[in-house]
Amino acid sequence: MRISVIGCGYLGAVHAACMAHLGHEVVGIDVDEQKVSELSSARAPFYEPGLSELLEQVLNTGRLSFTSNVASASGSDVHFICVGTPQKKGENAADMTYVDAAVAKLLPYISEGDVVVGKSTVPVGTAARLAGLIKEIQPLAHLVWNPEFLREGHAVSDTLNPDRFVYGVEDGSEDHPAVAVLDEVYAAPLSSGTPRLVTDPPTAELVKTAANSFLATKISFINAMAEVCEAAGADVTSLADAIGMDDRIGRKFLNAGIGFGGGCLPKDIRAFMARAGELGADQALTFLREVDAINMRRRTRVIELTRALCDDSLLGKRIAVLGAAFKPESDDVRDSPALSIAAQLQLQGAIVTVTDPKALKNAAKRFPELHYEPDPVNAISKSDALLLLTEWQEYRDLDPYALSPIVAAARILDGRNVLNAEKWRAAGWTYKGLGRP
């Protein structure tokens, strides 16, 4: 099929490349000329495993192109809206500027029978509003809401082999003409057994925010349990193993640590609360305020534990921070708890060096006052304390025996509870986990 993808940031670039890989003729459209140039040269403007290789492969087929000219959307059968919905400055609500602008620019190029597909995470009710705008210009076009469920670090595989598809169509019916169109777009994964659900647009819009809110709640729950475990002398990792054996709960996302970050979970739960308030249903989501508060409190807790690890004083202490990205296999530092902690430590008098395999360039833009070192051994050298805050595999594999001679003091705070505490202690390190005795 002929497909246009409006917005070639993280979501759009991955989606465009994957749709071309599935055999469609795809044009990616973005207002950022530099981004268009990089993508056209098979260079991803962000780190995502496998994306650059996929871009090169599909660009060579001639099925994928990138442009800043929205008129190139003309002639496409399906138009995907993949722009960002960041948090508004000074508010919890989502900023719909980019979605509205994308649809407004696309309107003149929508033809009879075209399907406009929203993939951005938006406040419930957005689809109905945008559908009205589209119908005014082209009554025989259709709007579908088809939320994305990408995990950074796994976005290519999540797009090509998703765990489900959700189509939000106007009448919520399998017989809606847009359903057959999207089935053709996703024919390959559907034929491999990927389940799909056809529903109404409000339900489809709620799926992503509801899912993210549930995951955030689960993470904050186990982090709250970590606080209780520290007070009681219990082990939160064993606790998580035990309650995770209950198949009603499950073990996934029950990993205590420094909390969640990134460009989705924090802003999505805040936008969800804001939209519920607009709908008069704010009481239903008051628990998310505590979910958010627990998450932010983890950062403060790490500062307290680091101070205690450094003999109750941060002033002049050399702290090596392993990790700047909000999660491994990503260069995304948006609302990164690791980077926030590093900045707070420096504000309180510590001499902080941050290292990360992929995210240092983005981190330096966010916090230019911090010192960055690409070589982890150099970052760790002569440190008074080592903080593992992003669980990259190369940090999990560090040898405590090899590191002991190069540090000023053998002290480590495992902010993700991924290290072997017995091994580090046997090597002479003072080891501190979160919620672990």
Protein backbone atom coordinates (compact mmCIF):
# COMPACT_ATOMS: atom_id res chain seq x y z
CA MET A 1 0.00 0.00 0.00
CA ARG A 2 1.00 3.66 -0.30
CA ILE A 3 1.58 5.09 3.16
CA SER A 4 2.58 8.47 4.54
CA VAL A 5 3.97 8.87 8.05
CA ILE A 6 3.60 12.37 9.49
CA GLY A 7 6.29 12.99 12.09
CA CYS A 8 9.63 11.17 11.97
CA GLY A 9 10.75 11.30 15.56
CA TYR A 10 11.17 8.13 17.58
CA LEU A 11 7.76 6.65 16.81
CA GLY A 12 7.48 7.86 13.21
CA ALA A 13 10.95 6.89 12.02
CA VAL A 14 10.60 3.37 13.38
CA HIS A 15 7.08 3.01 12.00
CA ALA A 16 8.04 4.27 8.53
CA ALA A 17 11.01 1.91 8.27
CA CYS A 18 9.00 -1.07 9.50
CA MET A 19 6.07 -0.40 7.15
CA ALA A 20 8.50 -0.30 4.22
CA HIS A 21 10.05 -3.53 5.48
CA LEU A 22 6.58 -5.10 5.33
CA GLY A 23 6.47 -4.24 1.64
CA HIS A 24 4.57 -0.96 1.54
CA GLU A 25 5.59 2.19 -0.32
CA VAL A 26 6.25 4.72 2.44
CA VAL A 27 7.06 8.42 2.62
CA GLY A 28 8.12 9.86 5.97
CA ILE A 29 7.36 13.56 6.44
CA ASP A 30 8.89 15.86 9.04
CA VAL A 31 9.39 19.62 9.39
CA ASP A 32 12.98 19.14 10.64
CA GLU A 33 15.22 19.29 7.55
CA GLN A 34 18.24 17.90 9.42
CA LYS A 35 16.25 14.90 10.62
CA VAL A 36 14.99 14.30 7.08
CA SER A 37 18.56 14.46 5.77
CA GLU A 38 19.88 12.03 8.37
CA LEU A 39 17.07 9.52 7.84
CA SER A 40 17.48 9.77 4.06
CA SER A 41 21.11 8.76 4.58
CA ALA A 42 20.11 5.79 6.77
CA ARG A 43 21.32 7.54 9.93
CA ALA A 44 18.87 7.35 12.81
CA PRO A 45 18.86 10.66 14.76
CA PHE A 46 18.57 8.65 17.99
CA TYR A 47 19.88 5.31 19.23
CA GLU A 48 17.58 2.35 18.72
CA PRO A 49 19.07 -1.13 18.22
CA GLY A 50 18.65 -2.37 14.66
CA LEU A 51 17.07 0.79 13.26
CA SER A 52 20.03 2.10 11.24
CA GLU A 53 20.49 -1.29 9.62
CA LEU A 54 16.77 -1.50 8.82
CA LEU A 55 16.79 2.02 7.36
CA GLU A 56 19.69 1.17 5.06
CA GLN A 57 18.01 -2.04 3.95
CA VAL A 58 14.62 -0.51 3.08
CA LEU A 59 16.03 2.70 1.59
CA ASN A 60 17.96 0.52 -0.87
CA THR A 61 14.70 -1.08 -2.01
CA GLY A 62 13.30 2.30 -3.04
CA ARG A 63 10.15 1.72 -0.99
CA LEU A 64 11.07 4.33 1.66
CA SER A 65 11.77 8.03 1.31
CA PHE A 66 11.81 11.05 3.61
CA THR A 67 10.85 14.65 2.89
CA SER A 68 9.80 17.88 4.57
CA ASN A 69 7.12 18.50 1.93
CA VAL A 70 3.73 17.46 3.29
CA ALA A 71 2.31 17.54 -0.24
CA SER A 72 4.14 14.24 -0.72
CA ALA A 73 1.36 12.66 1.34
CA SER A 74 -0.94 13.12 -1.64
CA GLY A 75 -1.71 9.81 -3.28
CA SER A 76 -1.17 7.74 -0.16
CA ASP A 77 -3.95 5.38 0.91
CA VAL A 78 -3.12 5.57 4.61
CA HIS A 79 -1.70 8.48 6.61
CA PHE A 80 -0.16 7.74 10.02
CA ILE A 81 0.04 10.58 12.57
CA CYS A 82 3.15 9.88 14.66
CA VAL A 83 4.05 13.23 16.26
CA GLY A 84 4.84 13.82 19.93
CA THR A 85 2.48 14.88 22.70
CA PRO A 86 4.82 16.28 25.38
CA GLN A 87 3.71 17.61 28.72
CA LYS A 88 2.67 21.27 28.66
CA LYS A 89 5.05 23.59 30.45
CA GLY A 90 3.72 24.34 33.93
CA GLU A 91 0.84 21.89 33.55
CA ASN A 92 0.12 18.17 33.68
CA ALA A 93 -1.90 18.15 30.47
CA ALA A 94 -0.57 16.92 27.12
CA ASP A 95 0.47 19.51 24.56
CA MET A 96 -1.55 18.82 21.42
CA THR A 97 0.17 21.47 19.30
CA TYR A 98 2.05 18.99 17.13
CA VAL A 99 -0.90 16.65 16.55
CA ASP A 100 -3.18 19.54 15.60
CA ALA A 101 -0.55 21.03 13.29
CA ALA A 102 0.09 17.67 11.61
CA VAL A 103 -3.59 17.11 10.86
CA ALA A 104 -4.08 20.71 9.70
CA LYS A 105 -1.20 20.43 7.22
CA LEU A 106 -2.38 17.03 6.02
CA LEU A 107 -6.03 18.03 5.40
CA PRO A 108 -5.57 19.45 1.86
CA TYR A 109 -4.01 16.17 0.69
CA ILE A 110 -6.62 13.73 2.02
CA SER A 111 -8.66 12.05 -0.71
CA GLU A 112 -11.91 10.12 -0.79
CA GLY A 113 -11.52 6.75 0.91
CA ASP A 114 -8.22 7.64 2.61
CA VAL A 115 -7.64 6.40 6.14
CA VAL A 116 -5.96 8.71 8.66
CA VAL A 117 -4.48 6.67 11.51
CA GLY A 118 -3.58 8.26 14.82
CA LYS A 119 -0.73 6.53 16.64
CA SER A 120 0.26 9.33 19.02
CA THR A 121 -0.71 9.02 22.69
CA VAL A 122 -3.49 11.59 23.12
CA PRO A 123 -6.13 12.63 25.67
CA VAL A 124 -9.37 10.71 25.23
CA GLY A 125 -11.74 12.68 23.01
CA THR A 126 -9.03 13.81 20.59
CA ALA A 127 -10.10 11.37 17.87
CA ALA A 128 -13.68 12.65 17.83
CA ARG A 129 -12.46 16.23 17.51
CA LEU A 130 -10.01 15.44 14.71
CA ALA A 131 -12.54 13.25 12.90
CA GLY A 132 -14.87 16.25 12.76
CA LEU A 133 -12.16 18.38 11.13
CA ILE A 134 -11.40 15.69 8.56
CA LYS A 135 -15.08 15.13 7.69
CA GLU A 136 -15.51 18.85 6.99
CA ILE A 137 -12.84 18.67 4.29
CA GLN A 138 -13.30 15.11 3.06
CA PRO A 139 -16.56 13.44 4.21
CA LEU A 140 -15.58 10.09 2.70
CA ALA A 141 -12.25 9.78 4.53
CA HIS A 142 -11.91 7.85 7.80
CA LEU A 143 -10.06 8.41 11.06
CA VAL A 144 -8.87 5.42 13.09
CA TRP A 145 -7.05 5.46 16.43
CA ASN A 146 -4.38 2.77 16.47
CA PRO A 147 -2.19 3.25 19.58
CA GLU A 148 1.46 2.23 19.60
CA PHE A 149 2.95 -0.05 22.24
CA LEU A 150 6.68 0.38 21.62
CA ARG A 151 9.36 -0.25 24.20
CA GLU A 152 12.49 1.79 23.66
CA GLY A 153 15.31 -0.61 22.92
CA HIS A 154 12.85 -3.05 21.32
CA ALA A 155 10.92 -0.72 19.01
CA VAL A 156 11.72 -2.45 15.71
CA SER A 157 10.65 -5.90 16.92
CA ASP A 158 7.64 -4.42 18.73
CA THR A 159 6.47 -2.83 15.47
CA LEU A 160 7.07 -5.85 13.26
CA ASN A 161 5.84 -8.39 15.83
CA PRO A 162 3.54 -6.56 18.26
CA ASP A 163 1.67 -8.29 21.07
CA ARG A 164 -1.64 -6.81 19.88
CA PHE A 165 -3.33 -4.36 17.53
CA VAL A 166 -6.12 -2.05 18.62
CA TYR A 167 -8.28 -0.25 16.03
CA GLY A 168 -10.57 2.50 17.27
CA VAL A 169 -13.14 3.10 14.50
CA GLU A 170 -16.14 5.39 14.44
CA ASP A 171 -18.84 2.76 15.00
CA GLY A 172 -16.65 0.21 16.78
CA SER A 173 -17.65 -2.36 14.19
CA GLU A 174 -15.65 -5.05 12.38
CA ASP A 175 -17.55 -4.00 9.25
CA HIS A 176 -16.14 -0.46 9.23
CA PRO A 177 -14.23 0.01 5.92
CA ALA A 178 -11.08 1.24 7.71
CA VAL A 179 -10.73 -2.13 9.45
CA ALA A 180 -10.07 -3.92 6.16
CA VAL A 181 -7.55 -1.25 5.18
CA LEU A 182 -5.56 -1.59 8.40
CA ASP A 183 -5.75 -5.37 8.15
CA GLU A 184 -4.03 -5.04 4.78
CA VAL A 185 -1.37 -2.72 6.23
CA TYR A 186 -0.64 -5.21 9.02
CA ALA A 187 -1.26 -8.36 6.97
CA ALA A 188 2.15 -9.92 7.80
CA PRO A 189 2.00 -9.74 11.61
CA LEU A 190 -1.72 -10.60 11.60
CA SER A 191 -0.99 -13.72 9.56
CA SER A 192 1.60 -14.68 12.20
CA GLY A 193 -1.07 -14.69 14.88
CA THR A 194 -0.93 -11.19 16.37
CA PRO A 195 -4.35 -10.62 17.99
CA ARG A 196 -6.33 -7.50 17.22
CA LEU A 197 -9.26 -5.75 18.87
CA VAL A 198 -11.72 -3.46 17.10
CA THR A 199 -13.31 -0.93 19.39
CA ASP A 200 -14.59 2.65 19.47
CA PRO A 201 -12.13 5.59 19.37
CA PRO A 202 -12.41 6.62 23.06
CA THR A 203 -11.55 3.10 24.20
CA ALA A 204 -8.61 2.91 21.78
CA GLU A 205 -7.33 6.26 23.03
CA LEU A 206 -7.50 5.03 26.63
CA VAL A 207 -5.62 1.78 26.00
CA LYS A 208 -2.11 3.26 25.97
CA THR A 209 -2.60 5.64 28.90
CA ALA A 210 -4.37 2.96 30.94
CA ALA A 211 -1.59 0.44 30.22
CA ASN A 212 1.14 2.93 31.11
CA SER A 213 -0.71 3.93 34.28
CA PHE A 214 -0.95 0.28 35.33
CA LEU A 215 2.76 -0.31 34.70
CA ALA A 216 3.68 2.87 36.57
CA THR A 217 1.50 1.78 39.48
CA LYS A 218 3.18 -1.63 39.59
CA ILE A 219 6.65 -0.05 39.60
CA SER A 220 5.74 2.46 42.29
CA PHE A 221 4.11 -0.30 44.36
CA ILE A 222 7.30 -2.36 44.54
CA ASN A 223 9.32 0.79 45.23
CA ALA A 224 6.98 1.58 48.12
CA MET A 225 7.56 -1.98 49.35
CA ALA A 226 11.31 -1.30 49.13
CA GLU A 227 10.87 1.56 51.59
CA VAL A 228 9.01 -0.75 53.98
CA CYS A 229 11.64 -3.48 53.52
CA GLU A 230 14.43 -1.07 54.41
CA ALA A 231 12.61 -0.10 57.60
CA ALA A 232 11.83 -3.73 58.48
CA GLY A 233 15.12 -5.34 57.47
CA ALA A 234 13.45 -7.40 54.70
CA ASP A 235 14.60 -8.07 51.14
CA VAL A 236 12.41 -6.51 48.44
CA THR A 237 13.89 -8.74 45.71
CA SER A 238 12.80 -11.92 47.51
CA LEU A 239 9.47 -10.27 48.29
CA ALA A 240 8.95 -9.52 44.59
CA ASP A 241 9.86 -13.10 43.68
CA ALA A 242 7.31 -14.43 46.15
CA ILE A 243 4.37 -12.23 45.19
CA GLY A 244 5.29 -12.51 41.50
CA MET A 245 4.62 -16.23 41.67
CA ASP A 246 0.93 -15.37 42.02
CA ASP A 247 -0.29 -15.50 38.42
CA ARG A 248 -2.78 -12.75 39.19
CA ILE A 249 0.17 -10.43 39.81
CA GLY A 250 3.16 -11.72 37.81
CA ARG A 251 6.85 -10.93 38.27
CA LYS A 252 7.30 -8.42 35.41
CA PHE A 253 7.78 -4.77 36.43
CA LEU A 254 8.25 -5.76 40.09
CA ASN A 255 11.87 -4.61 40.17
CA ALA A 256 12.59 -2.06 42.88
CA GLY A 257 15.02 0.69 41.97
CA ILE A 258 15.35 4.39 41.34
CA GLY A 259 11.99 4.63 39.56
CA PHE A 260 10.72 5.14 36.03
CA GLY A 261 11.44 7.96 33.60
CA GLY A 262 11.53 8.54 29.86
CA GLY A 263 9.20 10.31 27.50
CA CYS A 264 6.10 8.16 28.14
CA LEU A 265 5.22 6.94 31.64
CA PRO A 266 5.73 10.18 33.64
CA LYS A 267 3.99 12.52 31.21
CA ASP A 268 1.29 9.99 30.28
CA ILE A 269 0.06 9.44 33.84
CA ARG A 270 0.05 13.19 34.47
CA ALA A 271 -1.86 13.86 31.25
CA PHE A 272 -4.30 11.07 32.18
CA MET A 273 -5.00 12.75 35.52
CA ALA A 274 -5.44 16.12 33.82
CA ARG A 275 -7.88 14.75 31.25
CA ALA A 276 -9.87 12.87 33.89
CA GLY A 277 -10.26 16.16 35.71
CA GLU A 278 -11.58 17.84 32.56
CA LEU A 279 -14.11 15.03 32.20
CA GLY A 280 -15.23 15.32 35.83
CA ALA A 281 -13.72 11.94 36.71
CA ASP A 282 -10.66 13.19 38.60
CA GLN A 283 -11.53 11.21 41.76
CA ALA A 284 -11.05 8.00 39.80
CA LEU A 285 -7.35 8.70 39.26
CA THR A 286 -6.26 10.34 42.51
CA PHE A 287 -4.12 7.25 43.23
CA LEU A 288 -1.88 8.23 40.31
CA ARG A 289 -0.74 11.28 42.27
CA GLU A 290 0.77 8.95 44.85
CA VAL A 291 2.22 6.75 42.09
CA ASP A 292 3.99 9.84 40.72
CA ALA A 293 5.04 11.00 44.19
CA ILE A 294 6.54 7.60 45.11
CA ASN A 295 8.45 7.61 41.84
CA MET A 296 9.93 11.06 42.41
CA ARG A 297 10.73 10.20 46.04
CA ARG A 298 13.04 7.41 44.87
CA ARG A 299 15.44 9.99 43.52
CA THR A 300 15.61 11.75 46.86
CA ARG A 301 16.13 8.40 48.58
CA VAL A 302 19.15 7.63 46.40
CA ILE A 303 20.69 10.99 47.40
CA GLU A 304 20.18 10.09 51.07
CA LEU A 305 21.67 6.62 50.64
CA THR A 306 24.66 8.00 48.74
CA ARG A 307 25.33 10.50 51.50
CA ALA A 308 25.15 7.71 54.10
CA LEU A 309 27.48 5.58 51.94
CA CYS A 310 29.98 8.48 51.89
CA ASP A 311 30.24 8.83 55.68
CA ASP A 312 27.31 11.28 55.86
CA SER A 313 28.90 13.95 53.67
CA LEU A 314 28.76 14.57 49.92
CA LEU A 315 30.96 17.66 49.95
CA GLY A 316 33.99 17.07 47.74
CA LYS A 317 33.27 13.36 47.31
CA ARG A 318 34.01 11.96 43.86
CA ILE A 319 30.91 10.11 42.64
CA ALA A 320 30.91 7.98 39.49
CA VAL A 321 27.43 7.57 37.98
CA LEU A 322 26.99 4.60 35.65
CA GLY A 323 24.16 5.47 33.31
CA ALA A 324 22.48 8.62 32.00
CA ALA A 325 19.69 7.17 29.84
CA PHE A 326 16.39 6.41 31.55
CA LYS A 327 16.80 2.74 30.54
CA PRO A 328 19.41 0.57 28.82
CA GLU A 329 19.53 0.22 25.01
CA SER A 330 18.44 3.83 24.60
CA ASP A 331 19.98 7.30 24.38
CA ASP A 332 16.79 8.91 25.74
CA VAL A 333 17.41 11.13 28.79
CA ARG A 334 13.93 12.63 29.04
CA ASP A 335 12.97 12.65 32.73
CA SER A 336 15.84 10.26 33.38
CA PRO A 337 16.06 9.46 37.11
CA ALA A 338 19.77 8.66 36.72
CA LEU A 339 20.58 12.06 35.27
CA SER A 340 18.36 13.85 37.77
CA ILE A 341 20.16 12.12 40.64
CA ALA A 342 23.57 13.02 39.18
CA ALA A 343 22.58 16.69 38.94
CA GLN A 344 21.23 16.73 42.50
CA LEU A 345 24.41 15.14 43.86
CA GLN A 346 26.50 17.84 42.20
CA LEU A 347 24.25 20.58 43.59
CA GLN A 348 24.89 19.16 47.06
CA GLY A 349 28.65 19.42 46.69
CA ALA A 350 29.73 16.13 45.16
CA ILE A 351 32.16 15.95 42.23
CA VAL A 352 30.14 13.90 39.77
CA THR A 353 31.31 12.05 36.66
CA VAL A 354 28.63 10.47 34.45
CA THR A 355 29.27 7.71 31.94
CA ASP A 356 26.89 5.99 29.50
CA PRO A 357 27.42 3.96 26.30
CA LYS A 358 24.99 5.97 24.16
CA ALA A 359 23.35 8.88 25.99
CA LEU A 360 26.20 11.30 26.84
CA LYS A 361 25.52 13.66 23.94
CA ASN A 362 21.88 14.06 24.93
CA ALA A 363 22.77 14.23 28.61
CA ALA A 364 25.23 17.08 27.99
CA LYS A 365 22.46 19.07 26.31
CA ARG A 366 20.18 18.57 29.31
CA PHE A 367 22.78 19.13 32.06
CA PRO A 368 25.87 20.80 30.55
CA GLU A 369 27.30 21.52 34.00
CA LEU A 370 27.96 17.84 34.71
CA HIS A 371 31.22 16.12 33.78
CA TYR A 372 30.90 13.30 31.26
CA GLU A 373 33.34 10.50 30.55
CA PRO A 374 32.70 7.91 27.79
CA ASP A 375 35.17 5.39 29.25
CA PRO A 376 33.60 3.76 32.33
CA VAL A 377 36.98 2.80 33.78
CA ASN A 378 38.14 6.42 33.64
CA ALA A 379 34.84 7.51 35.20
CA ILE A 380 35.24 5.03 38.06
CA SER A 381 38.93 5.77 38.67
CA LYS A 382 39.63 7.45 42.05
CA SER A 383 35.92 7.61 42.92
CA ASP A 384 34.70 7.63 46.51
CA ALA A 385 31.45 5.92 45.54
CA LEU A 386 30.06 4.19 42.49
CA LEU A 387 26.35 4.44 41.58
CA LEU A 388 24.82 2.01 39.07
CA LEU A 389 21.71 3.88 37.89
CA THR A 390 21.06 2.50 34.37
CA GLU A 391 21.40 -1.26 34.04
CA TRP A 392 23.40 -1.51 30.82
CA GLN A 393 24.77 -5.03 30.44
CA GLU A 394 28.37 -3.80 30.45
CA TYR A 395 27.81 -2.33 33.92
CA ARG A 396 26.17 -5.51 35.18
CA ASP A 397 29.25 -7.40 33.97
CA LEU A 398 31.81 -5.22 35.79
CA ASP A 399 34.38 -7.14 37.82
CA PRO A 400 34.55 -5.82 41.40
CA TYR A 401 37.96 -7.43 41.93
CA ALA A 402 39.42 -5.57 38.93
CA LEU A 403 37.89 -2.25 40.00
CA SER A 404 39.00 -2.33 43.64
CA PRO A 405 42.58 -1.11 42.98
CA ILE A 406 41.48 1.92 40.92
CA VAL A 407 38.92 3.49 43.29
CA ALA A 408 39.57 5.73 46.28
CA ALA A 409 36.95 3.86 48.30
CA ALA A 410 35.25 0.57 47.39
CA ARG A 411 31.63 1.62 47.85
CA ILE A 412 28.75 0.96 45.47
CA LEU A 413 25.06 1.76 45.42
CA ASP A 414 23.17 -0.62 43.13
CA GLY A 415 20.25 1.56 42.05
CA ARG A 416 18.69 -1.20 39.96
CA ASN A 417 19.32 -4.24 42.23
CA VAL A 418 20.96 -6.12 39.38
CA LEU A 419 24.40 -6.90 40.82
CA ASN A 420 25.49 -9.95 42.79
CA ALA A 421 25.76 -8.46 46.28
CA GLU A 422 27.72 -11.42 47.67
CA LYS A 423 30.32 -11.18 44.90
CA TRP A 424 30.86 -7.45 45.42
CA ARG A 425 31.09 -7.79 49.18
CA ALA A 426 33.51 -10.70 48.83
CA ALA A 427 35.71 -8.39 46.71
CA GLY A 428 35.84 -5.94 49.63
CA TRP A 429 33.16 -3.52 48.53
CA THR A 430 30.57 -1.86 50.72
CA TYR A 431 27.45 -2.77 48.74
CA LYS A 432 24.08 -1.09 49.14
CA GLY A 433 20.96 -2.11 47.23
CA LEU A 434 17.50 -0.55 47.39
CA GLY A 435 15.14 -2.32 49.76
CA ARG A 436 17.73 -5.01 50.48
CA PRO A 437 19.41 -5.68 53.85
